[in-house]
Amino acid sequence: MKFYTPEISWHERDPIYTCDFHPTIPNKVATAGVSGEIRLWQVLVKNVEQTNSKQKNSSGIEISFISNLKRHTKSVNVVKWNSDGSLLASAGDEQVIFLWNENDIKNQKTLDNEEYENKENWFAFKTFRGHLEDILDLAWSRDSTTLISGSIDNSVIVWNVSTGSKIAILKEPKGFVQGVVFDPLGATYSVLSTDRCMRVYSTTSNKCLHNVNRMQMPKDDDQSVNTRLFYDDTLKSFFRRMKYSSDGSLLFTPSGCLEIDEKYVNVSFIFTRNCYTKPCLYIPHDKPSTAVSVCPVKFELSAKKDNEELIFDLAYRYVFAIATEDSVFLYDTQRLTPFAFVADIHYSNLSDLSWSSDARFLIITSIDGFSTFLIFKENELGKAYVENVDTVETKA
């Protein structure tokens, strides 16, 4: 593993709030932030012969500008590709959601005196209006027919992407909605807000199925204590970015806070889709966690140690990254101890992170205006798991 912080002007040194790798083009990534502009970038892998360890950049990659997407007039807090990468959704402080599509004209010069020429040209072809305050997070359904948005107006809106109409407006949250995520299997979606609750909704009825906010923790003398699970609005972050595993079996949530032995411990949680009422385990951190990103690639299980039992009943393992205020920890679902971490790589708090679809890159953005890449060799994280055809047909 290598890490590389390109010394380029991502957004004129303005804070970067969000990033998202393209789901089918592994080296294409979108970033956005305070500047109000969305930029697309290409991660170019250099040949070994071109990489000299004595050079300033010995990471083996270069970052190339693709396109500048202009429509927002205020900060952009979130960008999200749909499942096939044909559409990009963005939202921010102007309470509006834009859907972007690429037109067929390449290398078109803009009217602005920009330093770089757009290699691709994207336009905002739909606008969704409904929130009264800043929008902090978005999530697509896997079939791209539905979009959900969370805002600091304490509401969640479920949108019909085709018509732009509101399917539902959810007002159960009593605090800022800082994280939303869609179940890949399409049965539920989850919402995380500053009222210290995670709510799980049905996609068919849009009714709240689970309101997760407390858990019984064991104590001495066979007693238990009822403790809250999540931070309130004292958490110094705009975002609580959740993530499902690609098969929908596991939900990873940041911003946890448990009272253990009369001390508060910063944690992240993992829930299974069979039990949303309480987490199946928690992962402790020195500082509050703000974002989780799960690698979309499934990996073969590592060789088991003597008498080792699997934590999850899965034939494969997932690699996931958890960002705290100033560090990123890498785990897999087979052994829940971090196998790598990076810390103090930026001058300000980290804001988002995203995996490339081929597991070669993890981008980490920061409000200091820079981004860092973790770079992995092919199969460095493990060998990709190949689904048994008979099993897939049986599930279908």
Protein backbone atom coordinates (compact mmCIF):
# COMPACT_ATOMS: atom_id res chain seq x y z
CA MET A 1 0.00 0.00 0.00
CA LYS A 2 1.17 3.49 -0.88
CA PHE A 3 -0.38 6.84 -0.15
CA TYR A 4 -0.17 9.96 -2.25
CA THR A 5 -1.48 13.49 -1.70
CA PRO A 6 -1.39 15.26 -5.09
CA GLU A 7 -0.33 18.88 -4.82
CA ILE A 8 -2.92 20.14 -7.26
CA SER A 9 -5.65 22.74 -7.02
CA TRP A 10 -8.64 20.45 -6.58
CA HIS A 11 -11.09 23.30 -6.00
CA GLU A 12 -8.84 26.37 -5.72
CA ARG A 13 -7.83 25.27 -2.20
CA ASP A 14 -11.43 25.52 -0.99
CA PRO A 15 -12.59 22.79 1.42
CA ILE A 16 -13.61 19.50 -0.22
CA TYR A 17 -16.72 17.95 1.33
CA THR A 18 -17.47 14.95 -0.85
CA CYS A 19 -16.09 12.41 -3.31
CA ASP A 20 -17.41 9.38 -5.16
CA PHE A 21 -15.67 6.92 -7.48
CA HIS A 22 -17.51 5.92 -10.64
CA PRO A 23 -19.16 2.49 -10.22
CA THR A 24 -18.01 1.04 -13.58
CA ILE A 25 -14.98 3.14 -14.59
CA PRO A 26 -12.42 2.37 -11.85
CA ASN A 27 -10.20 5.41 -12.42
CA LYS A 28 -12.90 8.10 -12.60
CA VAL A 29 -13.83 10.10 -9.50
CA ALA A 30 -16.01 13.11 -8.71
CA THR A 31 -15.22 15.71 -6.02
CA ALA A 32 -17.00 18.82 -4.78
CA GLY A 33 -17.13 21.23 -1.87
CA VAL A 34 -17.30 24.87 -0.86
CA SER A 35 -16.45 26.17 -4.35
CA GLY A 36 -19.85 25.01 -5.63
CA GLU A 37 -18.25 23.30 -8.63
CA ILE A 38 -18.20 19.55 -9.21
CA ARG A 39 -15.08 18.24 -10.86
CA LEU A 40 -14.41 14.90 -12.50
CA TRP A 41 -10.92 13.46 -12.43
CA GLN A 42 -9.06 10.54 -13.94
CA VAL A 43 -6.53 8.52 -11.97
CA LEU A 44 -3.78 7.51 -14.39
CA VAL A 45 -1.51 4.58 -13.50
CA LYS A 46 2.04 5.14 -14.70
CA ASN A 47 4.26 2.36 -16.03
CA VAL A 48 6.91 1.00 -13.69
CA GLU A 49 9.60 2.38 -16.00
CA GLN A 50 8.13 5.87 -15.60
CA THR A 51 8.22 5.71 -11.81
CA ASN A 52 11.46 6.67 -10.13
CA SER A 53 11.69 6.30 -6.34
CA LYS A 54 13.85 9.44 -6.24
CA GLN A 55 11.14 11.52 -7.84
CA LYS A 56 8.82 13.62 -5.70
CA ASN A 57 5.85 11.52 -6.86
CA SER A 58 6.81 7.85 -6.65
CA SER A 59 3.25 6.70 -6.06
CA GLY A 60 2.79 5.38 -9.58
CA ILE A 61 -0.30 7.49 -10.32
CA GLU A 62 -1.12 10.87 -11.80
CA ILE A 63 -4.34 12.85 -11.57
CA SER A 64 -5.83 14.24 -14.79
CA PHE A 65 -8.70 16.74 -15.05
CA ILE A 66 -11.80 15.58 -16.98
CA SER A 67 -14.59 18.07 -16.50
CA ASN A 68 -16.00 20.95 -14.49
CA LEU A 69 -19.73 20.80 -13.69
CA LYS A 70 -21.20 24.23 -12.97
CA ARG A 71 -24.73 24.89 -11.76
CA HIS A 72 -24.57 25.16 -7.97
CA THR A 73 -24.25 28.62 -6.47
CA LYS A 74 -23.34 27.47 -2.95
CA SER A 75 -21.38 24.68 -1.29
CA VAL A 76 -21.91 21.13 -2.59
CA ASN A 77 -22.14 18.68 0.30
CA VAL A 78 -22.65 15.40 -1.55
CA VAL A 79 -22.19 13.84 -5.00
CA LYS A 80 -23.41 10.31 -5.78
CA TRP A 81 -23.26 8.23 -8.96
CA ASN A 82 -26.17 5.95 -9.73
CA SER A 83 -25.49 2.20 -10.04
CA ASP A 84 -24.36 2.21 -13.68
CA GLY A 85 -22.63 5.60 -13.58
CA SER A 86 -24.83 7.17 -16.25
CA LEU A 87 -26.20 9.80 -13.84
CA LEU A 88 -24.66 11.91 -11.10
CA ALA A 89 -26.73 13.46 -8.29
CA SER A 90 -25.50 16.46 -6.32
CA ALA A 91 -26.88 18.62 -3.53
CA GLY A 92 -25.75 21.22 -1.04
CA ASP A 93 -26.50 24.46 0.76
CA GLU A 94 -29.01 25.82 -1.77
CA GLN A 95 -31.63 23.14 -0.87
CA VAL A 96 -31.72 21.86 -4.47
CA ILE A 97 -30.79 18.50 -6.00
CA PHE A 98 -29.35 18.41 -9.51
CA LEU A 99 -29.19 15.33 -11.73
CA TRP A 100 -26.37 15.40 -14.26
CA ASN A 101 -26.06 13.62 -17.58
CA GLU A 102 -23.25 13.57 -20.13
CA ASN A 103 -23.89 14.93 -23.61
CA ASP A 104 -22.24 13.58 -26.74
CA ILE A 105 -20.09 16.63 -27.46
CA LYS A 106 -16.48 16.08 -26.42
CA ASN A 107 -13.73 18.61 -25.75
CA GLN A 108 -16.15 21.52 -25.82
CA LYS A 109 -14.75 24.89 -24.80
CA THR A 110 -16.76 26.78 -22.21
CA LEU A 111 -17.57 30.47 -22.23
CA ASP A 112 -15.49 30.93 -19.08
CA ASN A 113 -11.78 31.51 -19.26
CA GLU A 114 -10.95 28.24 -17.58
CA GLU A 115 -7.45 26.89 -17.29
CA TYR A 116 -8.43 23.43 -18.50
CA GLU A 117 -10.64 22.28 -21.33
CA ASN A 118 -13.48 19.90 -20.53
CA LYS A 119 -12.85 16.43 -21.97
CA GLU A 120 -16.44 15.50 -21.13
CA ASN A 121 -19.44 17.77 -20.96
CA TRP A 122 -22.12 17.19 -18.36
CA PHE A 123 -25.32 19.17 -17.93
CA ALA A 124 -27.93 19.35 -15.18
CA PHE A 125 -31.07 18.01 -16.84
CA LYS A 126 -33.29 17.72 -13.75
CA THR A 127 -33.80 19.80 -10.63
CA PHE A 128 -35.55 18.58 -7.48
CA ARG A 129 -36.83 21.17 -5.01
CA GLY A 130 -38.48 20.45 -1.68
CA HIS A 131 -36.10 20.87 1.25
CA LEU A 132 -36.12 24.08 3.26
CA GLU A 133 -32.49 23.94 4.42
CA ASP A 134 -29.08 22.53 3.41
CA ILE A 135 -29.03 18.98 2.03
CA LEU A 136 -26.27 16.85 3.57
CA ASP A 137 -26.63 13.41 1.98
CA LEU A 138 -28.13 11.50 -0.95
CA ALA A 139 -28.63 7.83 -1.79
CA TRP A 140 -29.74 6.03 -4.96
CA SER A 141 -31.76 2.85 -5.18
CA ARG A 142 -29.93 0.14 -7.11
CA ASP A 143 -32.38 0.36 -10.03
CA SER A 144 -31.94 4.18 -10.13
CA THR A 145 -35.70 4.78 -9.96
CA THR A 146 -35.62 6.31 -6.47
CA LEU A 147 -33.45 8.88 -4.73
CA ILE A 148 -33.52 9.81 -1.04
CA SER A 149 -32.17 13.02 0.47
CA GLY A 150 -31.48 14.13 4.04
CA SER A 151 -31.38 17.74 5.21
CA ILE A 152 -30.80 19.93 8.25
CA ASP A 153 -34.51 20.81 8.03
CA ASN A 154 -34.96 17.52 9.96
CA SER A 155 -36.60 15.75 7.03
CA VAL A 156 -35.98 13.02 4.50
CA ILE A 157 -37.55 13.17 1.04
CA VAL A 158 -38.06 10.11 -1.16
CA TRP A 159 -38.01 11.13 -4.85
CA ASN A 160 -39.30 9.50 -8.00
CA VAL A 161 -36.34 10.04 -10.33
CA SER A 162 -38.36 9.72 -13.54
CA THR A 163 -41.02 12.30 -12.69
CA GLY A 164 -39.21 14.36 -10.04
CA SER A 165 -42.21 14.02 -7.74
CA LYS A 166 -42.02 13.40 -4.01
CA ILE A 167 -42.99 9.85 -3.06
CA ALA A 168 -42.81 10.63 0.65
CA ILE A 169 -41.66 13.33 3.07
CA LEU A 170 -40.46 11.82 6.34
CA LYS A 171 -40.46 14.06 9.40
CA GLU A 172 -39.76 11.58 12.22
CA PRO A 173 -36.16 12.82 12.72
CA LYS A 174 -35.92 15.49 15.42
CA GLY A 175 -32.45 16.63 14.41
CA PHE A 176 -30.27 17.27 11.35
CA VAL A 177 -30.31 14.32 8.94
CA GLN A 178 -26.61 13.77 8.26
CA GLY A 179 -26.62 10.34 6.63
CA VAL A 180 -28.89 8.30 4.35
CA VAL A 181 -28.24 4.96 2.66
CA PHE A 182 -30.26 2.63 0.42
CA ASP A 183 -30.38 -1.12 0.92
CA PRO A 184 -28.84 -2.74 -2.21
CA LEU A 185 -31.61 -5.35 -2.14
CA GLY A 186 -34.25 -2.63 -2.25
CA ALA A 187 -36.18 -3.60 0.88
CA THR A 188 -35.22 -0.74 3.21
CA TYR A 189 -33.32 2.51 3.55
CA SER A 190 -31.71 3.93 6.68
CA VAL A 191 -31.42 7.44 8.09
CA LEU A 192 -28.96 8.75 10.70
CA SER A 193 -29.58 12.09 12.43
CA THR A 194 -28.35 14.25 15.30
CA ASP A 195 -31.24 13.20 17.54
CA ARG A 196 -29.08 10.11 18.29
CA CYS A 197 -31.32 7.79 16.30
CA MET A 198 -30.94 5.55 13.26
CA ARG A 199 -34.27 4.89 11.59
CA VAL A 200 -34.87 2.06 9.14
CA TYR A 201 -37.75 2.53 6.70
CA SER A 202 -39.62 0.19 4.37
CA THR A 203 -39.27 1.05 0.68
CA THR A 204 -42.80 -0.15 -0.04
CA SER A 205 -44.72 1.71 2.68
CA ASN A 206 -42.12 4.36 3.65
CA LYS A 207 -43.02 3.58 7.27
CA CYS A 208 -40.40 3.46 10.02
CA LEU A 209 -39.69 -0.19 10.83
CA HIS A 210 -36.99 0.34 13.45
CA ASN A 211 -35.95 3.29 15.59
CA VAL A 212 -32.49 2.34 16.84
CA ASN A 213 -31.13 4.54 19.62
CA ARG A 214 -30.39 2.45 22.74
CA MET A 215 -28.86 -0.89 23.65
CA GLN A 216 -28.42 -2.98 26.78
CA MET A 217 -24.73 -3.26 27.69
CA PRO A 218 -23.52 -5.91 30.17
CA LYS A 219 -22.19 -4.68 33.50
CA ASP A 220 -20.63 -6.26 36.56
CA ASP A 221 -22.67 -8.56 38.84
CA ASP A 222 -24.76 -9.87 35.95
CA GLN A 223 -26.39 -6.49 35.50
CA SER A 224 -26.86 -4.44 32.37
CA VAL A 225 -27.04 -0.76 31.60
CA ASN A 226 -29.21 0.93 28.98
CA THR A 227 -26.91 3.15 26.90
CA ARG A 228 -27.44 5.39 23.91
CA LEU A 229 -25.76 4.38 20.64
CA PHE A 230 -25.05 7.57 18.71
CA TYR A 231 -23.67 11.07 19.17
CA ASP A 232 -25.93 14.08 19.48
CA ASP A 233 -25.35 17.41 17.72
CA THR A 234 -22.14 18.03 19.70
CA LEU A 235 -20.31 15.87 17.13
CA LYS A 236 -18.03 18.23 15.20
CA SER A 237 -18.98 17.01 11.74
CA PHE A 238 -21.55 17.88 9.08
CA PHE A 239 -21.75 14.27 7.93
CA ARG A 240 -22.46 10.75 9.18
CA ARG A 241 -21.85 8.72 6.04
CA MET A 242 -23.19 5.16 6.28
CA LYS A 243 -22.64 2.28 3.88
CA TYR A 244 -24.05 -1.16 3.06
CA SER A 245 -21.99 -4.07 1.86
CA SER A 246 -22.68 -4.77 -1.82
CA ASP A 247 -24.78 -7.86 -1.02
CA GLY A 248 -26.90 -5.92 1.49
CA SER A 249 -26.07 -8.28 4.36
CA LEU A 250 -24.21 -5.71 6.53
CA LEU A 251 -24.82 -2.06 7.38
CA PHE A 252 -21.86 -0.01 8.62
CA THR A 253 -22.61 3.14 10.62
CA PRO A 254 -20.23 5.79 12.04
CA SER A 255 -20.67 8.33 14.85
CA GLY A 256 -21.36 5.78 17.58
CA CYS A 257 -20.83 6.58 21.25
CA LEU A 258 -21.16 4.00 24.04
CA GLU A 259 -20.99 4.46 27.79
CA ILE A 260 -18.72 1.69 29.06
CA ASP A 261 -17.52 1.61 32.69
CA GLU A 262 -18.74 5.18 33.16
CA LYS A 263 -16.62 6.34 30.22
CA TYR A 264 -17.78 7.32 26.76
CA VAL A 265 -16.15 5.35 23.95
CA ASN A 266 -16.15 6.42 20.29
CA VAL A 267 -17.29 3.52 18.12
CA SER A 268 -18.61 2.49 14.72
CA PHE A 269 -21.30 -0.17 14.43
CA ILE A 270 -22.07 -3.08 12.14
CA PHE A 271 -25.68 -4.19 11.82
CA THR A 272 -26.92 -7.28 10.00
CA ARG A 273 -30.00 -7.04 7.82
CA ASN A 274 -31.60 -9.78 9.94
CA CYS A 275 -31.41 -7.62 13.08
CA TYR A 276 -31.58 -3.85 12.85
CA THR A 277 -32.72 -3.46 16.44
CA LYS A 278 -29.19 -3.62 17.82
CA PRO A 279 -25.69 -3.79 16.35
CA CYS A 280 -24.01 -7.17 16.13
CA LEU A 281 -20.67 -5.58 17.08
CA TYR A 282 -18.93 -2.27 17.63
CA ILE A 283 -15.45 -1.07 16.66
CA PRO A 284 -13.79 1.40 19.08
CA HIS A 285 -11.83 4.49 18.00
CA ASP A 286 -9.81 7.17 19.74
CA LYS A 287 -11.86 9.90 18.07
CA PRO A 288 -15.40 10.05 16.65
CA SER A 289 -15.92 8.36 13.29
CA THR A 290 -17.67 10.31 10.55
CA ALA A 291 -17.70 8.12 7.43
CA VAL A 292 -17.53 4.50 6.35
CA SER A 293 -16.82 3.17 2.86
CA VAL A 294 -17.04 -0.50 1.91
CA CYS A 295 -14.98 -1.83 -0.99
CA PRO A 296 -17.39 -3.10 -3.67
CA VAL A 297 -15.16 -6.13 -4.40
CA LYS A 298 -15.76 -9.34 -2.47
CA PHE A 299 -12.56 -11.13 -1.48
CA GLU A 300 -11.83 -14.76 -0.77
CA LEU A 301 -11.49 -15.65 2.89
CA SER A 302 -7.97 -15.58 4.30
CA ALA A 303 -6.39 -18.77 5.58
CA LYS A 304 -7.89 -19.55 8.96
CA LYS A 305 -5.78 -19.75 12.08
CA ASP A 306 -6.13 -22.63 14.51
CA ASN A 307 -9.59 -22.76 16.11
CA GLU A 308 -10.55 -19.49 14.42
CA GLU A 309 -14.27 -18.93 13.97
CA LEU A 310 -15.81 -16.66 11.38
CA ILE A 311 -17.45 -13.53 12.74
CA PHE A 312 -20.01 -13.46 9.93
CA ASP A 313 -21.55 -16.40 8.12
CA LEU A 314 -20.25 -15.33 4.74
CA ALA A 315 -18.31 -17.28 2.12
CA TYR A 316 -16.25 -14.17 1.39
CA ARG A 317 -15.00 -11.08 3.19
CA TYR A 318 -15.40 -7.36 2.70
CA VAL A 319 -12.71 -4.73 3.15
CA PHE A 320 -13.95 -1.44 4.59
CA ALA A 321 -12.49 1.88 5.66
CA ILE A 322 -13.57 4.04 8.59
CA ALA A 323 -12.66 7.72 8.76
CA THR A 324 -12.34 9.58 12.04
CA GLU A 325 -11.51 13.28 12.36
CA ASP A 326 -7.88 12.78 11.33
CA SER A 327 -7.31 9.07 10.60
CA VAL A 328 -8.49 6.25 8.35
CA PHE A 329 -8.52 2.63 9.50
CA LEU A 330 -8.78 -0.36 7.17
CA TYR A 331 -10.52 -3.56 8.28
CA ASP A 332 -12.00 -6.69 6.81
CA THR A 333 -15.02 -8.63 8.00
CA GLN A 334 -13.06 -11.79 8.76
CA ARG A 335 -10.84 -10.33 11.47
CA LEU A 336 -11.99 -7.08 12.99
CA THR A 337 -8.63 -5.65 13.89
CA PRO A 338 -7.27 -2.97 11.57
CA PHE A 339 -4.72 -4.29 9.08
CA ALA A 340 -3.63 -0.75 8.11
CA PHE A 341 -4.21 2.86 9.05
CA VAL A 342 -3.09 6.34 8.06
CA ALA A 343 -3.11 9.33 10.38
CA ASP A 344 -2.24 13.03 10.35
CA ILE A 345 -2.15 13.19 6.55
CA HIS A 346 -4.15 16.43 6.40
CA TYR A 347 -4.13 19.74 8.26
CA SER A 348 -7.90 19.75 8.83
CA ASN A 349 -10.66 17.22 9.43
CA LEU A 350 -11.40 14.48 6.93
CA SER A 351 -14.75 14.77 5.15
CA ASP A 352 -15.36 11.73 2.93
CA LEU A 353 -13.84 8.61 1.41
CA SER A 354 -14.64 6.31 -1.52
CA TRP A 355 -13.32 3.06 -3.03
CA SER A 356 -12.71 2.50 -6.72
CA SER A 357 -14.68 -0.37 -8.26
CA ASP A 358 -11.52 -2.46 -8.81
CA ALA A 359 -10.22 -2.04 -5.21
CA ARG A 360 -7.04 -0.33 -6.43
CA PHE A 361 -7.72 3.12 -4.92
CA LEU A 362 -9.27 4.69 -1.86
CA ILE A 363 -9.70 8.46 -2.02
CA ILE A 364 -9.82 10.49 1.19
CA THR A 365 -10.96 14.12 1.09
CA SER A 366 -10.37 16.85 3.64
CA ILE A 367 -11.64 20.33 4.40
CA ASP A 368 -8.06 21.57 4.01
CA GLY A 369 -8.74 21.47 0.25
CA PHE A 370 -6.66 18.42 -0.61
CA SER A 371 -7.29 14.73 -1.23
CA THR A 372 -5.17 11.67 -0.52
CA PHE A 373 -5.12 8.36 -2.38
CA LEU A 374 -4.35 5.00 -0.85
CA ILE A 375 -2.99 2.87 -3.68
CA PHE A 376 -3.03 -0.93 -3.70
CA LYS A 377 -1.34 -3.37 -6.03
CA GLU A 378 -3.44 -5.89 -7.87
CA ASN A 379 -4.60 -8.59 -5.42
CA GLU A 380 -2.85 -6.81 -2.54
CA LEU A 381 -6.06 -6.83 -0.54
CA GLY A 382 -6.75 -10.43 -1.52
CA LYS A 383 -8.02 -12.50 -4.39
CA ALA A 384 -11.43 -11.52 -5.72
CA TYR A 385 -14.17 -13.96 -4.76
CA VAL A 386 -15.95 -15.64 -7.67
CA GLU A 387 -19.59 -16.47 -7.12
CA ASN A 388 -20.65 -20.07 -7.69
CA VAL A 389 -22.91 -20.03 -10.75
CA ASP A 390 -25.24 -22.64 -9.26
CA THR A 391 -25.58 -20.57 -6.08
CA VAL A 392 -26.36 -17.40 -8.02
CA GLU A 393 -29.00 -19.18 -10.10
CA THR A 394 -30.55 -20.65 -6.96
CA LYS A 395 -30.76 -17.21 -5.30
CA ALA A 396 -32.29 -15.73 -8.44
